[in-house]
Amino acid sequence: QVQLVESGGGLVQTGGSLRLSCVASGFIFGHYTLSWFRQDPGKERDFVAGISWNGEKTYYSDSVTGRFTISRDNAKNTVYLQMDNLKPEDTAVYYCAAILAATDYASRISGRYEYWGQGVQVAVSS
């Protein structure tokens, strides 16, 4: 049974930091590209960051570049999202997602991802 379980969300003030974790099971983690998406109620799920199967390449949306860092530990089947200098507009439910890696590129299209976590809430107060 495939599972992606996110943790680390919460409420933080503007300028603060959070570290999200996503632990995977039920598939060969090292064969998959992992990404983080986020979604506000009533809006589409947007790409935040992605990392290649081997961790050598990372990709970010323009809105988080320079503030967020994605990383992975294949030995622990875990992907992380370090979020620094948080802003109120970062408030959303954050999801991790996995797609079988055909290349080292991380797609920004949510519909292409095979597996999803249940999501974790991040709230940033002004």
N, C-alpha and C. Protein backbone atom coordinates (compact mmCIF):
# COMPACT_ATOMS: atom_id res chain seq x y z
N GLN A 1 0.84 -1.19 0.00
CA GLN A 1 0.00 0.00 0.00
C GLN A 1 0.88 1.25 0.00
N VAL A 2 0.64 2.11 -0.98
CA VAL A 2 1.42 3.33 -1.10
C VAL A 2 0.93 4.36 -0.08
N GLN A 3 1.88 4.98 0.60
CA GLN A 3 1.54 6.06 1.52
C GLN A 3 2.57 7.17 1.44
N LEU A 4 2.09 8.40 1.50
CA LEU A 4 2.93 9.57 1.68
C LEU A 4 2.33 10.32 2.85
N VAL A 5 3.13 10.51 3.89
CA VAL A 5 2.62 11.11 5.11
C VAL A 5 3.42 12.37 5.42
N GLU A 6 2.74 13.52 5.34
CA GLU A 6 3.39 14.80 5.61
C GLU A 6 3.29 15.15 7.09
N SER A 7 4.25 15.93 7.55
CA SER A 7 4.23 16.45 8.92
C SER A 7 5.04 17.74 8.96
N GLY A 8 4.91 18.47 10.07
CA GLY A 8 5.72 19.66 10.27
C GLY A 8 5.01 20.98 10.03
N GLY A 9 3.75 20.92 9.65
CA GLY A 9 3.02 22.15 9.43
C GLY A 9 2.67 22.83 10.75
N GLY A 10 2.05 24.01 10.65
CA GLY A 10 1.65 24.73 11.84
C GLY A 10 1.45 26.21 11.57
N LEU A 11 1.36 26.96 12.66
CA LEU A 11 1.18 28.41 12.59
C LEU A 11 2.48 29.10 12.95
N VAL A 12 2.88 30.06 12.14
CA VAL A 12 4.13 30.78 12.36
C VAL A 12 3.93 32.24 11.98
N GLN A 13 4.71 33.11 12.56
CA GLN A 13 4.62 34.53 12.22
C GLN A 13 5.41 34.84 10.95
N THR A 14 5.08 35.95 10.34
CA THR A 14 5.81 36.40 9.16
C THR A 14 7.30 36.47 9.48
N GLY A 15 8.10 35.93 8.55
CA GLY A 15 9.54 35.89 8.73
C GLY A 15 10.05 34.63 9.40
N GLY A 16 9.14 33.83 9.91
CA GLY A 16 9.52 32.60 10.59
C GLY A 16 9.84 31.47 9.63
N SER A 17 10.12 30.29 10.22
CA SER A 17 10.52 29.12 9.44
C SER A 17 9.73 27.89 9.87
N LEU A 18 9.56 27.00 8.93
CA LEU A 18 9.00 25.67 9.19
C LEU A 18 9.73 24.67 8.31
N ARG A 19 9.77 23.42 8.76
CA ARG A 19 10.34 22.35 7.96
C ARG A 19 9.30 21.25 7.81
N LEU A 20 8.87 21.03 6.59
CA LEU A 20 7.93 19.96 6.31
C LEU A 20 8.69 18.68 5.98
N SER A 21 8.13 17.56 6.39
CA SER A 21 8.67 16.25 6.05
C SER A 21 7.59 15.41 5.40
N CYS A 22 8.00 14.51 4.54
CA CYS A 22 7.07 13.59 3.90
C CYS A 22 7.74 12.22 3.84
N VAL A 23 7.18 11.26 4.57
CA VAL A 23 7.72 9.92 4.61
C VAL A 23 6.91 9.03 3.69
N ALA A 24 7.61 8.31 2.82
CA ALA A 24 6.95 7.48 1.81
C ALA A 24 7.11 6.00 2.13
N SER A 25 6.15 5.21 1.68
CA SER A 25 6.23 3.76 1.80
C SER A 25 5.39 3.14 0.70
N GLY A 26 5.71 1.88 0.38
CA GLY A 26 4.91 1.16 -0.59
C GLY A 26 5.37 1.26 -2.03
N PHE A 27 6.47 1.97 -2.28
CA PHE A 27 7.05 2.04 -3.63
C PHE A 27 8.54 2.30 -3.49
N ILE A 28 9.27 2.14 -4.59
CA ILE A 28 10.73 2.30 -4.55
C ILE A 28 11.04 3.79 -4.62
N PHE A 29 11.25 4.36 -3.46
CA PHE A 29 11.39 5.82 -3.31
C PHE A 29 12.46 6.39 -4.24
N GLY A 30 13.58 5.73 -4.34
CA GLY A 30 14.70 6.25 -5.13
C GLY A 30 14.44 6.27 -6.62
N HIS A 31 13.35 5.70 -7.08
CA HIS A 31 13.01 5.70 -8.50
C HIS A 31 12.05 6.84 -8.85
N TYR A 32 11.69 7.63 -7.86
CA TYR A 32 10.64 8.63 -8.05
C TYR A 32 11.14 10.05 -7.85
N THR A 33 10.64 10.94 -8.71
CA THR A 33 10.76 12.37 -8.49
C THR A 33 9.74 12.76 -7.42
N LEU A 34 10.16 13.62 -6.50
CA LEU A 34 9.28 14.08 -5.45
C LEU A 34 9.09 15.60 -5.53
N SER A 35 7.89 16.03 -5.31
CA SER A 35 7.60 17.47 -5.35
C SER A 35 6.65 17.87 -4.23
N TRP A 36 6.65 19.16 -3.95
CA TRP A 36 5.69 19.76 -3.04
C TRP A 36 4.78 20.69 -3.83
N PHE A 37 3.50 20.60 -3.54
CA PHE A 37 2.49 21.50 -4.10
C PHE A 37 1.76 22.15 -2.92
N ARG A 38 1.04 23.23 -3.20
CA ARG A 38 0.21 23.83 -2.18
C ARG A 38 -1.10 24.30 -2.79
N GLN A 39 -2.10 24.40 -1.91
CA GLN A 39 -3.44 24.73 -2.40
C GLN A 39 -4.19 25.55 -1.36
N ASP A 40 -4.78 26.64 -1.84
CA ASP A 40 -5.71 27.43 -1.05
C ASP A 40 -7.11 26.94 -1.37
N PRO A 41 -8.06 27.09 -0.43
CA PRO A 41 -9.44 26.68 -0.72
C PRO A 41 -9.99 27.37 -1.96
N GLY A 42 -10.57 26.60 -2.86
CA GLY A 42 -11.17 27.16 -4.05
C GLY A 42 -10.20 27.47 -5.17
N LYS A 43 -8.93 27.15 -4.96
CA LYS A 43 -7.93 27.43 -5.98
C LYS A 43 -7.27 26.15 -6.45
N GLU A 44 -6.52 26.26 -7.53
CA GLU A 44 -5.81 25.09 -8.06
C GLU A 44 -4.61 24.76 -7.17
N ARG A 45 -4.18 23.52 -7.30
CA ARG A 45 -3.00 23.08 -6.58
C ARG A 45 -1.77 23.53 -7.36
N ASP A 46 -0.91 24.31 -6.72
CA ASP A 46 0.24 24.92 -7.40
C ASP A 46 1.55 24.25 -7.02
N PHE A 47 2.42 24.13 -7.99
CA PHE A 47 3.76 23.60 -7.78
C PHE A 47 4.57 24.55 -6.90
N VAL A 48 5.28 23.98 -5.95
CA VAL A 48 6.15 24.77 -5.07
C VAL A 48 7.62 24.44 -5.32
N ALA A 49 7.95 23.14 -5.25
CA ALA A 49 9.33 22.72 -5.41
C ALA A 49 9.37 21.25 -5.80
N GLY A 50 10.41 20.86 -6.53
CA GLY A 50 10.58 19.47 -6.92
C GLY A 50 12.04 19.08 -6.87
N ILE A 51 12.28 17.77 -6.73
CA ILE A 51 13.65 17.28 -6.64
C ILE A 51 13.75 15.98 -7.42
N SER A 52 14.84 15.85 -8.17
CA SER A 52 15.04 14.67 -8.99
C SER A 52 15.24 13.42 -8.15
N TRP A 53 15.16 12.26 -8.78
CA TRP A 53 15.22 10.98 -8.06
C TRP A 53 16.50 10.83 -7.25
N ASN A 54 17.60 11.40 -7.76
CA ASN A 54 18.89 11.26 -7.07
C ASN A 54 19.24 12.49 -6.23
N GLY A 55 18.36 13.47 -6.20
CA GLY A 55 18.60 14.66 -5.40
C GLY A 55 19.53 15.68 -6.02
N GLU A 56 19.98 15.42 -7.25
CA GLU A 56 20.98 16.30 -7.84
C GLU A 56 20.39 17.57 -8.45
N LYS A 57 19.12 17.52 -8.81
CA LYS A 57 18.50 18.70 -9.41
C LYS A 57 17.26 19.10 -8.63
N THR A 58 17.12 20.40 -8.43
CA THR A 58 15.96 20.93 -7.72
C THR A 58 15.30 22.02 -8.55
N TYR A 59 14.02 22.20 -8.32
CA TYR A 59 13.23 23.14 -9.09
C TYR A 59 12.29 23.87 -8.12
N TYR A 60 12.09 25.16 -8.39
CA TYR A 60 11.26 25.98 -7.50
C TYR A 60 10.35 26.90 -8.29
N SER A 61 9.21 27.21 -7.71
CA SER A 61 8.38 28.25 -8.29
C SER A 61 9.03 29.60 -8.02
N ASP A 62 8.69 30.57 -8.83
CA ASP A 62 9.28 31.90 -8.68
C ASP A 62 8.97 32.49 -7.30
N SER A 63 7.80 32.19 -6.77
CA SER A 63 7.37 32.81 -5.52
C SER A 63 8.14 32.33 -4.30
N VAL A 64 8.81 31.17 -4.40
CA VAL A 64 9.51 30.64 -3.23
C VAL A 64 11.02 30.56 -3.44
N THR A 65 11.49 30.83 -4.64
CA THR A 65 12.93 30.76 -4.92
C THR A 65 13.69 31.68 -3.96
N GLY A 66 14.72 31.12 -3.35
CA GLY A 66 15.54 31.88 -2.42
C GLY A 66 15.05 31.81 -0.98
N ARG A 67 13.84 31.28 -0.77
CA ARG A 67 13.29 31.17 0.59
C ARG A 67 13.06 29.72 1.00
N PHE A 68 12.71 28.86 0.07
CA PHE A 68 12.42 27.45 0.34
C PHE A 68 13.55 26.57 -0.21
N THR A 69 13.78 25.44 0.45
CA THR A 69 14.77 24.48 0.00
C THR A 69 14.19 23.07 0.09
N ILE A 70 14.21 22.36 -1.02
CA ILE A 70 13.75 20.98 -1.03
C ILE A 70 14.96 20.06 -0.98
N SER A 71 14.83 18.96 -0.25
CA SER A 71 15.90 17.98 -0.16
C SER A 71 15.26 16.61 0.07
N ARG A 72 16.07 15.57 -0.08
CA ARG A 72 15.56 14.22 0.12
C ARG A 72 16.64 13.35 0.72
N ASP A 73 16.20 12.31 1.42
CA ASP A 73 17.08 11.30 1.99
C ASP A 73 16.53 9.95 1.53
N ASN A 74 17.13 9.38 0.51
CA ASN A 74 16.60 8.14 -0.04
C ASN A 74 16.74 6.97 0.94
N ALA A 75 17.70 7.06 1.83
CA ALA A 75 17.86 5.99 2.83
C ALA A 75 16.71 5.99 3.83
N LYS A 76 16.08 7.15 4.01
CA LYS A 76 14.97 7.28 4.96
C LYS A 76 13.62 7.41 4.26
N ASN A 77 13.61 7.31 2.93
CA ASN A 77 12.36 7.46 2.17
C ASN A 77 11.63 8.75 2.52
N THR A 78 12.38 9.81 2.63
CA THR A 78 11.81 11.07 3.11
C THR A 78 12.24 12.24 2.23
N VAL A 79 11.29 13.14 1.99
CA VAL A 79 11.57 14.39 1.30
C VAL A 79 11.21 15.52 2.26
N TYR A 80 11.98 16.58 2.20
CA TYR A 80 11.82 17.71 3.11
C TYR A 80 11.57 19.00 2.33
N LEU A 81 10.93 19.93 3.00
CA LEU A 81 10.80 21.28 2.47
C LEU A 81 11.10 22.25 3.60
N GLN A 82 12.27 22.86 3.53
CA GLN A 82 12.65 23.88 4.50
C GLN A 82 12.11 25.21 4.01
N MET A 83 11.30 25.85 4.82
CA MET A 83 10.64 27.10 4.43
C MET A 83 11.11 28.21 5.37
N ASP A 84 11.82 29.16 4.83
CA ASP A 84 12.34 30.29 5.60
C ASP A 84 11.71 31.59 5.11
N ASN A 85 11.81 32.62 5.96
CA ASN A 85 11.26 33.93 5.62
C ASN A 85 9.82 33.80 5.11
N LEU A 86 9.01 33.10 5.86
CA LEU A 86 7.64 32.85 5.45
C LEU A 86 6.82 34.13 5.40
N LYS A 87 5.89 34.15 4.46
CA LYS A 87 5.01 35.30 4.24
C LYS A 87 3.55 34.85 4.36
N PRO A 88 2.64 35.76 4.65
CA PRO A 88 1.23 35.38 4.75
C PRO A 88 0.70 34.69 3.49
N GLU A 89 1.23 35.07 2.34
CA GLU A 89 0.78 34.43 1.09
C GLU A 89 1.25 33.00 0.93
N ASP A 90 2.11 32.53 1.82
CA ASP A 90 2.51 31.12 1.83
C ASP A 90 1.49 30.24 2.54
N THR A 91 0.51 30.85 3.17
CA THR A 91 -0.52 30.09 3.86
C THR A 91 -1.29 29.21 2.88
N ALA A 92 -1.34 27.91 3.18
CA ALA A 92 -2.00 26.94 2.29
C ALA A 92 -1.89 25.56 2.91
N VAL A 93 -2.55 24.61 2.29
CA VAL A 93 -2.31 23.20 2.59
C VAL A 93 -1.21 22.72 1.64
N TYR A 94 -0.19 22.11 2.21
CA TYR A 94 0.96 21.65 1.44
C TYR A 94 0.89 20.13 1.26
N TYR A 95 1.14 19.68 0.04
CA TYR A 95 1.08 18.27 -0.30
C TYR A 95 2.41 17.83 -0.89
N CYS A 96 2.84 16.62 -0.54
CA CYS A 96 3.95 16.03 -1.28
C CYS A 96 3.37 15.05 -2.30
N ALA A 97 4.10 14.88 -3.38
CA ALA A 97 3.63 14.07 -4.50
C ALA A 97 4.81 13.37 -5.14
N ALA A 98 4.53 12.20 -5.73
CA ALA A 98 5.57 11.39 -6.34
C ALA A 98 5.18 10.98 -7.76
N ILE A 99 6.17 10.98 -8.63
CA ILE A 99 5.99 10.53 -10.00
C ILE A 99 7.21 9.70 -10.39
N LEU A 100 6.97 8.58 -11.08
CA LEU A 100 8.07 7.74 -11.52
C LEU A 100 8.99 8.57 -12.42
N ALA A 101 10.29 8.51 -12.11
CA ALA A 101 11.24 9.39 -12.79
C ALA A 101 11.65 8.80 -14.13
N ALA A 102 11.28 9.50 -15.22
CA ALA A 102 11.76 9.12 -16.55
C ALA A 102 13.02 9.92 -16.89
N THR A 103 13.12 11.12 -16.29
CA THR A 103 14.29 11.98 -16.45
C THR A 103 14.58 12.58 -15.07
N ASP A 104 15.49 13.56 -15.03
CA ASP A 104 15.76 14.23 -13.77
C ASP A 104 14.97 15.53 -13.64
N TYR A 105 13.94 15.69 -14.46
CA TYR A 105 13.10 16.88 -14.42
C TYR A 105 11.91 16.63 -13.50
N ALA A 106 11.48 17.68 -12.79
CA ALA A 106 10.31 17.58 -11.93
C ALA A 106 9.17 18.37 -12.57
N SER A 107 8.14 17.65 -13.00
CA SER A 107 7.00 18.30 -13.63
C SER A 107 6.30 19.25 -12.68
N ARG A 108 5.82 20.35 -13.22
CA ARG A 108 5.06 21.33 -12.43
C ARG A 108 3.55 21.12 -12.58
N ILE A 109 3.17 20.08 -13.28
CA ILE A 109 1.76 19.79 -13.53
C ILE A 109 1.27 18.75 -12.55
N SER A 110 0.35 19.13 -11.69
CA SER A 110 -0.09 18.24 -10.62
C SER A 110 -0.73 16.97 -11.16
N GLY A 111 -1.42 17.06 -12.29
CA GLY A 111 -2.12 15.91 -12.83
C GLY A 111 -1.23 14.78 -13.27
N ARG A 112 0.05 15.05 -13.38
CA ARG A 112 0.98 14.00 -13.83
C ARG A 112 1.50 13.15 -12.68
N TYR A 113 1.24 13.56 -11.45
CA TYR A 113 1.79 12.84 -10.30
C TYR A 113 0.90 11.67 -9.92
N GLU A 114 1.55 10.58 -9.54
CA GLU A 114 0.84 9.33 -9.30
C GLU A 114 0.36 9.21 -7.86
N TYR A 115 1.19 9.64 -6.93
CA TYR A 115 0.90 9.44 -5.52
C TYR A 115 0.90 10.77 -4.79
N TRP A 116 0.00 10.90 -3.83
CA TRP A 116 -0.16 12.13 -3.07
C TRP A 116 -0.30 11.84 -1.58
N GLY A 117 0.21 12.76 -0.78
CA GLY A 117 -0.05 12.71 0.64
C GLY A 117 -1.38 13.35 0.97
N GLN A 118 -1.72 13.36 2.25
CA GLN A 118 -3.01 13.87 2.68
C GLN A 118 -3.00 15.39 2.89
N GLY A 119 -1.82 15.96 2.93
CA GLY A 119 -1.69 17.40 3.08
C GLY A 119 -1.45 17.82 4.52
N VAL A 120 -0.78 18.95 4.68
CA VAL A 120 -0.51 19.51 5.99
C VAL A 120 -0.72 21.02 5.91
N GLN A 121 -1.36 21.58 6.93
CA GLN A 121 -1.69 23.00 6.91
C GLN A 121 -0.49 23.83 7.36
N VAL A 122 -0.23 24.89 6.60
CA VAL A 122 0.75 25.91 6.98
C VAL A 122 0.02 27.24 7.02
N ALA A 123 0.14 27.94 8.14
CA ALA A 123 -0.50 29.24 8.29
C ALA A 123 0.54 30.25 8.76
N VAL A 124 0.60 31.38 8.07
CA VAL A 124 1.56 32.42 8.40
C VAL A 124 0.78 33.69 8.76
N SER A 125 0.97 34.14 9.97
CA SER A 125 0.25 35.33 10.45
C SER A 125 1.07 36.58 10.18
N SER A 126 0.36 37.67 9.92
CA SER A 126 1.04 38.93 9.62
C SER A 126 1.30 39.74 10.88
